[in-house]
Amino acid sequence: MPADARIGWRRRLRSPLLGLLVLNLAVFGAFTLPGLLRDRRLAEHVLTLRTELDRARRNVAELRERAAVIDANTRDLARFYGELMPQLRSAPAVLRELDGATPSPGDRAWSRDTVLGAPLVRFVVNMPVSGSYPQLVSFLERLERFPHFVTVDRVALRDRGRSGAGELDVVVAAYFKADPAGAGRGR
C-alpha cells in the first residue's frame, strides 16, 4: 500500500476513533463515574454504620451489666432490710446485749439519730472498756461477730500502766429499721 494511502486511511480513522473516545468518556462520566462514586459513598456509609453498630452493641452490653448490678443491689438491699436489719422496737434488748458483751461495766453514753436517705435509726454508744489485753481483744472479736448490725466507728487504746491491762474507748453504732409511721425520727 502506498504511503499516501496509509496516511489517508489513518486520517479517516482518526476522527471516528476520537469521536468513539469522546463517546466512551461521556458514557463513563454520565453512567459509570456516578455509580463508582455512589458505591464509594455507600462503602464509607456502611463502614460508618458498622462502627456505630459496634459502639451501640458495646453500650447495650454495658447497660446490661449495669442492669445486672442494679438488680443484684436491689436484691441485696431487700435482704438487708428484710433479714439483717432489726426493728427499732428491739433496740433496748440489742443495746443491753451490746453492753453485756463488754469485759467490764462502765459509764455508757449513747445518742440516737436518723440516717439520711435510709429508713434507719442509729444509736451511737460511747463505751469505755477496761480489762486485760486478751479480754480487750476478745471484746473486739465479739463485736465483729455480733449478731446484729453494728459498726465500730472508733477505737482508742489507753495503757493503764500495769502490765497486761489497758483501757479502750470504743464508739459503736447500732442500726435499726425505722418505724414505718415515722416514730424513729428525731433524737
C-alpha atoms as a PDB file:
ATOM      1  CA  MET A   1       0.000   0.000   0.000  1.00  0.00           C
ATOM      2  CA  PRO A   2       1.355   3.373  -0.914  1.00  0.00           C
ATOM      3  CA  ALA A   3       2.376   5.766   1.867  1.00  0.00           C
ATOM      4  CA  ASP A   4      -0.268   8.308   0.857  1.00  0.00           C
ATOM      5  CA  ALA A   5      -2.958   5.670   1.144  1.00  0.00           C
ATOM      6  CA  ARG A   6      -1.820   4.750   4.637  1.00  0.00           C
ATOM      7  CA  ILE A   7      -1.825   8.357   5.758  1.00  0.00           C
ATOM      8  CA  GLY A   8      -5.295   8.887   4.280  1.00  0.00           C
ATOM      9  CA  TRP A   9      -6.605   5.767   5.985  1.00  0.00           C
ATOM     10  CA  ARG A  10      -5.247   6.956   9.334  1.00  0.00           C
ATOM     11  CA  ARG A  11      -6.803  10.391   8.835  1.00  0.00           C
ATOM     12  CA  ARG A  12     -10.159   8.860   8.059  1.00  0.00           C
ATOM     13  CA  LEU A  13      -9.958   6.650  11.225  1.00  0.00           C
ATOM     14  CA  ARG A  14      -8.666   9.410  13.462  1.00  0.00           C
ATOM     15  CA  SER A  15     -11.978  11.321  13.586  1.00  0.00           C
ATOM     16  CA  PRO A  16     -14.170   8.247  14.300  1.00  0.00           C
ATOM     17  CA  LEU A  17     -11.670   6.997  16.921  1.00  0.00           C
ATOM     18  CA  LEU A  18     -11.575  10.389  18.616  1.00  0.00           C
ATOM     19  CA  GLY A  19     -15.384  10.502  18.464  1.00  0.00           C
ATOM     20  CA  LEU A  20     -15.555   6.999  19.952  1.00  0.00           C
ATOM     21  CA  LEU A  21     -13.106   8.036  22.696  1.00  0.00           C
ATOM     22  CA  VAL A  22     -15.182  11.129  23.477  1.00  0.00           C
ATOM     23  CA  LEU A  23     -18.330   8.995  23.471  1.00  0.00           C
ATOM     24  CA  ASN A  24     -16.695   6.493  25.851  1.00  0.00           C
ATOM     25  CA  LEU A  25     -15.606   9.342  28.158  1.00  0.00           C
ATOM     26  CA  ALA A  26     -19.123  10.808  28.046  1.00  0.00           C
ATOM     27  CA  VAL A  27     -20.709   7.428  28.865  1.00  0.00           C
ATOM     28  CA  PHE A  28     -18.128   6.903  31.616  1.00  0.00           C
ATOM     29  CA  GLY A  29     -18.842  10.390  33.024  1.00  0.00           C
ATOM     30  CA  ALA A  30     -22.608  10.040  32.693  1.00  0.00           C
ATOM     31  CA  PHE A  31     -23.159   6.464  33.897  1.00  0.00           C
ATOM     32  CA  THR A  32     -20.098   4.700  35.246  1.00  0.00           C
ATOM     33  CA  LEU A  33     -18.453   7.506  37.301  1.00  0.00           C
ATOM     34  CA  PRO A  34     -21.611   8.379  39.277  1.00  0.00           C
ATOM     35  CA  GLY A  35     -22.093   4.668  40.045  1.00  0.00           C
ATOM     36  CA  LEU A  36     -18.479   4.368  41.220  1.00  0.00           C
ATOM     37  CA  LEU A  37     -18.819   7.471  43.388  1.00  0.00           C
ATOM     38  CA  ARG A  38     -22.150   6.194  44.763  1.00  0.00           C
ATOM     39  CA  ASP A  39     -20.560   2.816  45.536  1.00  0.00           C
ATOM     40  CA  ARG A  40     -17.656   4.548  47.309  1.00  0.00           C
ATOM     41  CA  ARG A  41     -20.076   6.681  49.382  1.00  0.00           C
ATOM     42  CA  LEU A  42     -22.111   3.587  50.196  1.00  0.00           C
ATOM     43  CA  ALA A  43     -18.984   1.691  51.257  1.00  0.00           C
ATOM     44  CA  GLU A  44     -17.993   4.606  53.523  1.00  0.00           C
ATOM     45  CA  HIS A  45     -21.542   4.778  54.880  1.00  0.00           C
ATOM     46  CA  VAL A  46     -21.539   1.021  55.547  1.00  0.00           C
ATOM     47  CA  LEU A  47     -18.231   1.387  57.407  1.00  0.00           C
ATOM     48  CA  THR A  48     -19.682   4.254  59.468  1.00  0.00           C
ATOM     49  CA  LEU A  49     -22.821   2.251  60.228  1.00  0.00           C
ATOM     50  CA  ARG A  50     -20.780  -0.787  61.264  1.00  0.00           C
ATOM     51  CA  THR A  51     -18.716   1.399  63.602  1.00  0.00           C
ATOM     52  CA  GLU A  52     -21.888   2.872  65.094  1.00  0.00           C
ATOM     53  CA  LEU A  53     -23.406  -0.612  65.412  1.00  0.00           C
ATOM     54  CA  ASP A  54     -20.323  -1.859  67.254  1.00  0.00           C
ATOM     55  CA  ARG A  55     -20.470   1.150  69.586  1.00  0.00           C
ATOM     56  CA  ALA A  56     -24.201   0.582  70.156  1.00  0.00           C
ATOM     57  CA  ARG A  57     -23.561  -3.108  70.927  1.00  0.00           C
ATOM     58  CA  ARG A  58     -20.886  -2.150  73.456  1.00  0.00           C
ATOM     59  CA  ASN A  59     -23.287   0.355  75.039  1.00  0.00           C
ATOM     60  CA  VAL A  60     -26.024  -2.282  75.232  1.00  0.00           C
ATOM     61  CA  ALA A  61     -23.585  -4.734  76.838  1.00  0.00           C
ATOM     62  CA  GLU A  62     -22.543  -2.082  79.400  1.00  0.00           C
ATOM     63  CA  LEU A  63     -26.180  -1.244  80.112  1.00  0.00           C
ATOM     64  CA  ARG A  64     -26.972  -4.933  80.613  1.00  0.00           C
ATOM     65  CA  GLU A  65     -24.061  -5.209  83.045  1.00  0.00           C
ATOM     66  CA  ARG A  66     -25.296  -2.131  84.921  1.00  0.00           C
ATOM     67  CA  ALA A  67     -28.830  -3.533  84.986  1.00  0.00           C
ATOM     68  CA  ALA A  68     -27.493  -6.797  86.427  1.00  0.00           C
ATOM     69  CA  VAL A  69     -25.582  -4.861  89.110  1.00  0.00           C
ATOM     70  CA  ILE A  70     -28.659  -2.771  89.915  1.00  0.00           C
ATOM     71  CA  ASP A  71     -30.796  -5.926  90.163  1.00  0.00           C
ATOM     72  CA  ALA A  72     -28.231  -7.552  92.461  1.00  0.00           C
ATOM     73  CA  ASN A  73     -28.042  -4.400  94.591  1.00  0.00           C
ATOM     74  CA  THR A  74     -31.841  -4.261  94.794  1.00  0.00           C
ATOM     75  CA  ARG A  75     -31.989  -7.888  95.947  1.00  0.00           C
ATOM     76  CA  ASP A  76     -29.183  -7.280  98.457  1.00  0.00           C
ATOM     77  CA  LEU A  77     -30.905  -4.170  99.808  1.00  0.00           C
ATOM     78  CA  ALA A  78     -34.211  -6.027 100.172  1.00  0.00           C
ATOM     79  CA  ARG A  79     -32.395  -8.838 102.001  1.00  0.00           C
ATOM     80  CA  PHE A  80     -30.519  -6.323 104.156  1.00  0.00           C
ATOM     81  CA  TYR A  81     -33.699  -4.568 105.281  1.00  0.00           C
ATOM     82  CA  GLY A  82     -35.792  -7.733 105.401  1.00  0.00           C
ATOM     83  CA  GLU A  83     -33.444 -10.206 107.077  1.00  0.00           C
ATOM     84  CA  LEU A  84     -30.455  -8.459 108.633  1.00  0.00           C
ATOM     85  CA  MET A  85     -31.804  -5.183 109.977  1.00  0.00           C
ATOM     86  CA  PRO A  86     -33.655  -5.481 113.299  1.00  0.00           C
ATOM     87  CA  GLN A  87     -36.783  -3.464 114.063  1.00  0.00           C
ATOM     88  CA  LEU A  88     -36.472  -0.340 116.198  1.00  0.00           C
ATOM     89  CA  ARG A  89     -38.569  -1.927 118.951  1.00  0.00           C
ATOM     90  CA  SER A  90     -35.718  -4.405 119.574  1.00  0.00           C
ATOM     91  CA  ALA A  91     -33.218  -1.584 120.278  1.00  0.00           C
ATOM     92  CA  PRO A  92     -33.308  -1.872 124.094  1.00  0.00           C
ATOM     93  CA  ALA A  93     -32.590  -5.604 124.006  1.00  0.00           C
ATOM     94  CA  VAL A  94     -29.814  -5.211 121.420  1.00  0.00           C
ATOM     95  CA  LEU A  95     -28.189  -2.358 123.380  1.00  0.00           C
ATOM     96  CA  ARG A  96     -28.314  -4.482 126.577  1.00  0.00           C
ATOM     97  CA  GLU A  97     -26.736  -7.363 124.643  1.00  0.00           C
ATOM     98  CA  LEU A  98     -24.046  -4.999 123.352  1.00  0.00           C
ATOM     99  CA  ASP A  99     -23.370  -3.759 126.876  1.00  0.00           C
ATOM    100  CA  GLY A 100     -23.196  -7.361 128.119  1.00  0.00           C
ATOM    101  CA  ALA A 101     -20.501  -8.157 125.559  1.00  0.00           C
ATOM    102  CA  THR A 102     -18.009  -5.859 127.311  1.00  0.00           C
ATOM    103  CA  PRO A 103     -15.480  -7.307 129.768  1.00  0.00           C
ATOM    104  CA  SER A 104     -16.178  -4.552 132.297  1.00  0.00           C
ATOM    105  CA  PRO A 105     -19.109  -2.355 133.230  1.00  0.00           C
ATOM    106  CA  GLY A 106     -18.672   1.334 132.717  1.00  0.00           C
ATOM    107  CA  ASP A 107     -20.414   4.563 132.035  1.00  0.00           C
ATOM    108  CA  ARG A 108     -22.080   4.283 128.664  1.00  0.00           C
ATOM    109  CA  ALA A 109     -23.253   7.310 126.779  1.00  0.00           C
ATOM    110  CA  TRP A 110     -25.485   6.975 123.770  1.00  0.00           C
ATOM    111  CA  SER A 111     -27.260   9.164 121.285  1.00  0.00           C
ATOM    112  CA  ARG A 112     -29.956   8.454 118.724  1.00  0.00           C
ATOM    113  CA  ASP A 113     -30.348   9.921 115.252  1.00  0.00           C
ATOM    114  CA  THR A 114     -31.743   9.023 111.853  1.00  0.00           C
ATOM    115  CA  VAL A 115     -29.683   8.050 108.845  1.00  0.00           C
ATOM    116  CA  LEU A 116     -30.287  10.439 105.981  1.00  0.00           C
ATOM    117  CA  GLY A 117     -31.563   8.775 102.831  1.00  0.00           C
ATOM    118  CA  ALA A 118     -32.334   5.461 104.523  1.00  0.00           C
ATOM    119  CA  PRO A 119     -35.176   4.229 106.718  1.00  0.00           C
ATOM    120  CA  LEU A 120     -32.764   3.624 109.588  1.00  0.00           C
ATOM    121  CA  VAL A 121     -32.258   4.814 113.144  1.00  0.00           C
ATOM    122  CA  ARG A 122     -28.739   4.814 114.532  1.00  0.00           C
ATOM    123  CA  PHE A 123     -27.749   4.553 118.167  1.00  0.00           C
ATOM    124  CA  VAL A 124     -24.170   5.687 118.830  1.00  0.00           C
ATOM    125  CA  VAL A 125     -22.771   4.222 122.035  1.00  0.00           C
ATOM    126  CA  ASN A 126     -19.589   5.513 123.676  1.00  0.00           C
ATOM    127  CA  MET A 127     -18.180   2.592 125.643  1.00  0.00           C
ATOM    128  CA  PRO A 128     -15.144   2.919 127.874  1.00  0.00           C
ATOM    129  CA  VAL A 129     -13.916  -0.655 128.352  1.00  0.00           C
ATOM    130  CA  SER A 130     -11.138  -1.872 130.596  1.00  0.00           C
ATOM    131  CA  GLY A 131      -9.554  -5.248 131.070  1.00  0.00           C
ATOM    132  CA  SER A 132      -6.555  -7.337 130.225  1.00  0.00           C
ATOM    133  CA  TYR A 133      -5.292  -7.217 126.662  1.00  0.00           C
ATOM    134  CA  PRO A 134      -6.710 -10.692 125.892  1.00  0.00           C
ATOM    135  CA  GLN A 135     -10.088  -9.532 127.278  1.00  0.00           C
ATOM    136  CA  LEU A 136     -10.000  -6.403 125.112  1.00  0.00           C
ATOM    137  CA  VAL A 137      -9.080  -8.386 122.002  1.00  0.00           C
ATOM    138  CA  SER A 138     -11.833 -10.876 122.786  1.00  0.00           C
ATOM    139  CA  PHE A 139     -14.327  -7.997 123.136  1.00  0.00           C
ATOM    140  CA  LEU A 140     -13.366  -6.610 119.718  1.00  0.00           C
ATOM    141  CA  GLU A 141     -13.705 -10.092 118.215  1.00  0.00           C
ATOM    142  CA  ARG A 142     -17.189 -10.394 119.764  1.00  0.00           C
ATOM    143  CA  LEU A 143     -18.113  -7.085 118.133  1.00  0.00           C
ATOM    144  CA  GLU A 144     -17.002  -8.472 114.762  1.00  0.00           C
ATOM    145  CA  ARG A 145     -19.310 -11.469 115.213  1.00  0.00           C
ATOM    146  CA  PHE A 146     -22.130  -9.541 116.882  1.00  0.00           C
ATOM    147  CA  PRO A 147     -25.447 -10.958 115.611  1.00  0.00           C
ATOM    148  CA  HIS A 148     -26.928  -7.514 114.980  1.00  0.00           C
ATOM    149  CA  PHE A 149     -25.851  -4.806 112.559  1.00  0.00           C
ATOM    150  CA  VAL A 150     -23.264  -2.687 114.384  1.00  0.00           C
ATOM    151  CA  THR A 151     -20.228  -0.759 113.271  1.00  0.00           C
ATOM    152  CA  VAL A 152     -17.166   0.134 115.289  1.00  0.00           C
ATOM    153  CA  ASP A 153     -16.693   3.801 114.487  1.00  0.00           C
ATOM    154  CA  ARG A 154     -13.660   4.464 116.670  1.00  0.00           C
ATOM    155  CA  VAL A 155     -11.272   2.622 118.969  1.00  0.00           C
ATOM    156  CA  ALA A 156      -8.697   4.359 121.149  1.00  0.00           C
ATOM    157  CA  LEU A 157      -6.345   2.396 123.403  1.00  0.00           C
ATOM    158  CA  ARG A 158      -5.157   3.847 126.686  1.00  0.00           C
ATOM    159  CA  ASP A 159      -2.482   1.965 128.592  1.00  0.00           C
ATOM    160  CA  ARG A 160      -3.176   1.891 132.327  1.00  0.00           C
ATOM    161  CA  GLY A 161       0.489   1.463 133.113  1.00  0.00           C
ATOM    162  CA  ARG A 162       0.004  -2.003 134.579  1.00  0.00           C
ATOM    163  CA  SER A 163       1.408  -4.927 132.742  1.00  0.00           C
ATOM    164  CA  GLY A 164      -1.173  -6.768 130.694  1.00  0.00           C
ATOM    165  CA  ALA A 165      -4.042  -4.327 131.235  1.00  0.00           C
ATOM    166  CA  GLY A 166      -5.473  -1.469 129.251  1.00  0.00           C
ATOM    167  CA  GLU A 167      -8.498   0.630 128.528  1.00  0.00           C
ATOM    168  CA  LEU A 168     -10.353   1.142 125.296  1.00  0.00           C
ATOM    169  CA  ASP A 169     -12.584   3.989 124.328  1.00  0.00           C
ATOM    170  CA  VAL A 170     -14.891   2.381 121.788  1.00  0.00           C
ATOM    171  CA  VAL A 171     -17.596   4.118 119.791  1.00  0.00           C
ATOM    172  CA  VAL A 172     -20.098   1.630 118.396  1.00  0.00           C
ATOM    173  CA  ALA A 173     -23.117   2.407 116.221  1.00  0.00           C
ATOM    174  CA  ALA A 174     -26.106   0.058 116.188  1.00  0.00           C
ATOM    175  CA  TYR A 175     -28.606   0.356 113.341  1.00  0.00           C
ATOM    176  CA  PHE A 176     -32.309  -0.427 113.340  1.00  0.00           C
ATOM    177  CA  LYS A 177     -35.138  -0.288 110.843  1.00  0.00           C
ATOM    178  CA  ALA A 178     -37.188   2.853 111.478  1.00  0.00           C
ATOM    179  CA  ASP A 179     -40.865   2.521 112.307  1.00  0.00           C
ATOM    180  CA  PRO A 180     -42.913   2.941 109.118  1.00  0.00           C
ATOM    181  CA  ALA A 181     -45.107   5.587 110.768  1.00  0.00           C
ATOM    182  CA  GLY A 182     -42.054   7.780 111.382  1.00  0.00           C
ATOM    183  CA  ALA A 183     -41.718   7.070 115.093  1.00  0.00           C
ATOM    184  CA  GLY A 184     -37.986   6.569 114.575  1.00  0.00           C
ATOM    185  CA  ARG A 185     -37.344  10.173 113.543  1.00  0.00           C
ATOM    186  CA  GLY A 186     -35.548  12.733 115.599  1.00  0.00           C
ATOM    187  CA  ARG A 187     -33.341  12.345 118.629  1.00  0.00           C
END
